[in-house]
């Protein structure tokens, strides 16, 4: 499992597989409470989870160990 975190967008991604190749995630399903997006492959297997408002929803230790990324043009999100 690998976790990436974009502090400026306050978003994290939890990879449940080593890599997700372009086009592999063919279905994106919003969580019922709109806190995350679940990415599935063509066989219905969960590949990863995109987490919104990550600072509020994820444990600080998880974010501290996450790989830092910066998304170009990512909107800033306030931490509520």
N, C-alpha and C. Protein backbone atom coordinates (compact mmCIF):
# COMPACT_ATOMS: atom_id res chain seq x y z
N UNK A 1 0.85 -1.17 0.00
CA UNK A 1 0.00 0.00 0.00
C UNK A 1 0.89 1.24 0.00
N UNK A 2 0.47 2.24 -0.75
CA UNK A 2 1.20 3.50 -0.84
C UNK A 2 0.21 4.64 -0.66
N UNK A 3 0.64 5.71 -0.01
CA UNK A 3 -0.21 6.87 0.21
C UNK A 3 0.50 8.11 -0.31
N UNK A 4 -0.22 8.91 -1.11
CA UNK A 4 0.30 10.20 -1.54
C UNK A 4 -0.58 11.29 -0.95
N UNK A 5 0.02 12.48 -0.76
CA UNK A 5 -0.71 13.57 -0.13
C UNK A 5 -0.34 14.89 -0.80
N UNK A 6 -1.35 15.64 -1.19
CA UNK A 6 -1.18 16.98 -1.76
C UNK A 6 -1.70 17.97 -0.72
N UNK A 7 -0.79 18.62 -0.02
CA UNK A 7 -1.16 19.52 1.06
C UNK A 7 -1.92 20.74 0.55
N UNK A 8 -1.55 21.26 -0.62
CA UNK A 8 -2.23 22.47 -1.12
C UNK A 8 -3.68 22.19 -1.49
N UNK A 9 -3.98 20.97 -1.93
CA UNK A 9 -5.36 20.60 -2.25
C UNK A 9 -6.03 19.88 -1.08
N UNK A 10 -5.24 19.52 -0.05
CA UNK A 10 -5.72 18.78 1.11
C UNK A 10 -6.39 17.48 0.68
N UNK A 11 -5.72 16.76 -0.23
CA UNK A 11 -6.23 15.49 -0.74
C UNK A 11 -5.16 14.42 -0.62
N UNK A 12 -5.62 13.20 -0.36
CA UNK A 12 -4.71 12.06 -0.28
C UNK A 12 -5.22 10.97 -1.21
N UNK A 13 -4.30 10.11 -1.63
CA UNK A 13 -4.68 8.95 -2.44
C UNK A 13 -4.03 7.73 -1.82
N UNK A 14 -4.85 6.73 -1.56
CA UNK A 14 -4.37 5.47 -1.00
C UNK A 14 -4.38 4.44 -2.13
N UNK A 15 -3.19 4.02 -2.53
CA UNK A 15 -3.03 3.01 -3.58
C UNK A 15 -3.10 1.64 -2.92
N UNK A 16 -4.01 0.81 -3.39
CA UNK A 16 -4.13 -0.55 -2.88
C UNK A 16 -3.35 -1.54 -3.72
N UNK A 17 -2.79 -1.06 -4.83
CA UNK A 17 -1.90 -1.83 -5.70
C UNK A 17 -0.65 -0.99 -5.89
N UNK A 18 0.44 -1.60 -6.35
CA UNK A 18 1.70 -0.87 -6.51
C UNK A 18 1.59 0.32 -7.44
N UNK A 19 1.00 0.11 -8.61
CA UNK A 19 0.83 1.20 -9.58
C UNK A 19 -0.52 1.07 -10.25
N UNK A 20 -1.05 2.19 -10.68
CA UNK A 20 -2.28 2.22 -11.45
C UNK A 20 -1.93 2.86 -12.78
N UNK A 21 -1.93 2.06 -13.83
CA UNK A 21 -1.56 2.56 -15.15
C UNK A 21 -2.68 3.43 -15.71
N UNK A 22 -2.33 4.37 -16.59
CA UNK A 22 -3.37 5.21 -17.19
C UNK A 22 -4.45 4.35 -17.86
N UNK A 23 -5.68 4.64 -17.56
CA UNK A 23 -6.80 3.91 -18.12
C UNK A 23 -7.22 2.68 -17.32
N UNK A 24 -6.44 2.30 -16.32
CA UNK A 24 -6.76 1.09 -15.54
C UNK A 24 -7.99 1.31 -14.64
N UNK A 25 -8.13 2.51 -14.11
CA UNK A 25 -9.29 2.81 -13.27
C UNK A 25 -10.44 3.20 -14.19
N UNK A 26 -11.33 2.25 -14.44
CA UNK A 26 -12.40 2.47 -15.41
C UNK A 26 -13.71 2.92 -14.77
N UNK A 27 -13.79 2.81 -13.45
CA UNK A 27 -15.02 3.22 -12.77
C UNK A 27 -14.66 3.95 -11.49
N UNK A 28 -15.21 5.14 -11.32
CA UNK A 28 -15.00 5.94 -10.12
C UNK A 28 -16.35 6.06 -9.42
N UNK A 29 -16.37 5.65 -8.16
CA UNK A 29 -17.61 5.64 -7.39
C UNK A 29 -17.45 6.56 -6.18
N UNK A 30 -18.28 7.61 -6.10
CA UNK A 30 -18.21 8.47 -4.91
C UNK A 30 -18.69 7.71 -3.67
N UNK A 31 -18.04 7.95 -2.55
CA UNK A 31 -18.51 7.40 -1.28
C UNK A 31 -19.87 8.02 -0.97
N UNK A 32 -20.68 7.32 -0.21
CA UNK A 32 -22.04 7.79 0.08
C UNK A 32 -22.06 9.18 0.70
N UNK A 33 -21.04 9.50 1.49
CA UNK A 33 -21.01 10.81 2.16
C UNK A 33 -20.13 11.82 1.42
N UNK A 34 -19.74 11.51 0.18
CA UNK A 34 -18.93 12.40 -0.67
C UNK A 34 -17.59 12.78 -0.05
N UNK A 35 -17.02 11.90 0.76
CA UNK A 35 -15.72 12.18 1.36
C UNK A 35 -14.58 11.57 0.57
N UNK A 36 -14.91 10.70 -0.40
CA UNK A 36 -13.88 9.98 -1.14
C UNK A 36 -14.43 9.50 -2.48
N UNK A 37 -13.49 9.12 -3.34
CA UNK A 37 -13.81 8.48 -4.62
C UNK A 37 -13.10 7.13 -4.63
N UNK A 38 -13.83 6.07 -4.94
CA UNK A 38 -13.27 4.73 -5.03
C UNK A 38 -12.99 4.42 -6.49
N UNK A 39 -11.77 4.03 -6.81
CA UNK A 39 -11.38 3.70 -8.18
C UNK A 39 -11.34 2.19 -8.37
N UNK A 40 -12.06 1.69 -9.38
CA UNK A 40 -12.14 0.26 -9.67
C UNK A 40 -11.59 -0.04 -11.06
N UNK A 41 -11.06 -1.25 -11.23
CA UNK A 41 -10.61 -1.68 -12.56
C UNK A 41 -11.76 -2.37 -13.30
N UNK A 42 -11.49 -2.85 -14.51
CA UNK A 42 -12.52 -3.45 -15.36
C UNK A 42 -13.10 -4.72 -14.76
N UNK A 43 -12.37 -5.39 -13.87
CA UNK A 43 -12.86 -6.60 -13.23
C UNK A 43 -13.59 -6.31 -11.91
N UNK A 44 -13.76 -5.03 -11.58
CA UNK A 44 -14.46 -4.65 -10.36
C UNK A 44 -13.61 -4.67 -9.12
N UNK A 45 -12.28 -4.73 -9.29
CA UNK A 45 -11.37 -4.74 -8.13
C UNK A 45 -11.03 -3.31 -7.73
N UNK A 46 -11.02 -3.05 -6.45
CA UNK A 46 -10.69 -1.73 -5.92
C UNK A 46 -9.19 -1.48 -6.06
N UNK A 47 -8.84 -0.40 -6.76
CA UNK A 47 -7.44 -0.05 -6.99
C UNK A 47 -6.92 0.98 -5.99
N UNK A 48 -7.77 1.94 -5.65
CA UNK A 48 -7.33 3.01 -4.77
C UNK A 48 -8.49 3.88 -4.31
N UNK A 49 -8.18 4.75 -3.37
CA UNK A 49 -9.18 5.62 -2.77
C UNK A 49 -8.64 7.04 -2.70
N UNK A 50 -9.37 7.98 -3.29
CA UNK A 50 -9.01 9.39 -3.20
C UNK A 50 -9.81 10.00 -2.05
N UNK A 51 -9.10 10.64 -1.11
CA UNK A 51 -9.72 11.17 0.10
C UNK A 51 -9.73 12.70 0.05
N UNK A 52 -10.91 13.29 0.20
CA UNK A 52 -11.05 14.74 0.29
C UNK A 52 -10.89 15.18 1.75
N UNK A 53 -10.46 16.42 1.97
CA UNK A 53 -10.24 16.95 3.33
C UNK A 53 -9.41 15.98 4.16
N UNK A 54 -8.29 15.59 3.59
CA UNK A 54 -7.46 14.54 4.17
C UNK A 54 -6.96 14.87 5.58
N UNK A 55 -6.61 16.11 5.84
CA UNK A 55 -6.11 16.45 7.19
C UNK A 55 -7.15 16.17 8.26
N UNK A 56 -8.39 16.31 7.93
CA UNK A 56 -9.45 16.08 8.91
C UNK A 56 -9.81 14.59 9.01
N UNK A 57 -9.67 13.86 7.92
CA UNK A 57 -10.18 12.49 7.87
C UNK A 57 -9.14 11.39 8.13
N UNK A 58 -7.87 11.71 7.92
CA UNK A 58 -6.84 10.68 8.07
C UNK A 58 -5.97 10.95 9.30
N UNK A 59 -5.44 9.91 9.86
CA UNK A 59 -4.59 10.01 11.05
C UNK A 59 -3.32 10.79 10.68
N UNK A 60 -2.85 11.69 11.55
CA UNK A 60 -1.64 12.46 11.28
C UNK A 60 -0.42 11.60 10.95
N UNK A 61 -0.30 10.44 11.60
CA UNK A 61 0.84 9.56 11.31
C UNK A 61 0.82 9.05 9.88
N UNK A 62 -0.36 8.77 9.37
CA UNK A 62 -0.49 8.32 7.98
C UNK A 62 -0.06 9.43 7.03
N UNK A 63 -0.52 10.64 7.28
CA UNK A 63 -0.16 11.77 6.41
C UNK A 63 1.33 12.10 6.53
N UNK A 64 1.90 11.97 7.72
CA UNK A 64 3.32 12.27 7.92
C UNK A 64 4.19 11.33 7.09
N UNK A 65 3.76 10.09 6.92
CA UNK A 65 4.53 9.13 6.15
C UNK A 65 4.19 9.09 4.68
N UNK A 66 3.21 9.89 4.27
CA UNK A 66 2.77 9.88 2.86
C UNK A 66 3.78 10.57 1.95
N UNK A 67 3.82 10.10 0.72
CA UNK A 67 4.64 10.74 -0.32
C UNK A 67 3.98 12.06 -0.68
N UNK A 68 4.73 13.15 -0.63
CA UNK A 68 4.18 14.49 -0.93
C UNK A 68 4.14 14.72 -2.43
N UNK A 69 3.01 15.20 -2.90
CA UNK A 69 2.87 15.55 -4.31
C UNK A 69 2.28 16.95 -4.40
N UNK A 70 2.38 17.53 -5.55
CA UNK A 70 1.81 18.85 -5.81
C UNK A 70 1.07 18.76 -7.13
N UNK A 71 -0.22 19.00 -7.11
CA UNK A 71 -1.03 18.96 -8.34
C UNK A 71 -1.06 20.35 -8.95
N UNK A 72 -0.76 20.43 -10.24
CA UNK A 72 -0.82 21.72 -10.92
C UNK A 72 -2.25 22.19 -11.01
N UNK A 73 -2.47 23.43 -10.61
CA UNK A 73 -3.79 24.03 -10.72
C UNK A 73 -4.83 23.44 -9.79
N UNK A 74 -4.40 22.70 -8.78
CA UNK A 74 -5.35 22.10 -7.85
C UNK A 74 -6.00 23.19 -7.01
N UNK A 75 -7.30 23.13 -6.87
CA UNK A 75 -7.98 24.13 -6.03
C UNK A 75 -7.62 23.93 -4.57
N UNK A 76 -7.49 25.02 -3.86
CA UNK A 76 -7.21 24.94 -2.43
C UNK A 76 -8.50 24.63 -1.71
N UNK A 77 -8.41 23.78 -0.72
CA UNK A 77 -9.58 23.39 0.06
C UNK A 77 -9.34 23.78 1.50
N UNK A 78 -10.31 24.40 2.12
CA UNK A 78 -10.19 24.78 3.53
C UNK A 78 -10.40 23.56 4.39
N UNK A 79 -9.67 23.52 5.48
CA UNK A 79 -9.84 22.44 6.45
C UNK A 79 -10.92 22.87 7.43
N UNK A 80 -12.03 22.20 7.37
CA UNK A 80 -13.15 22.55 8.27
C UNK A 80 -12.98 21.89 9.61
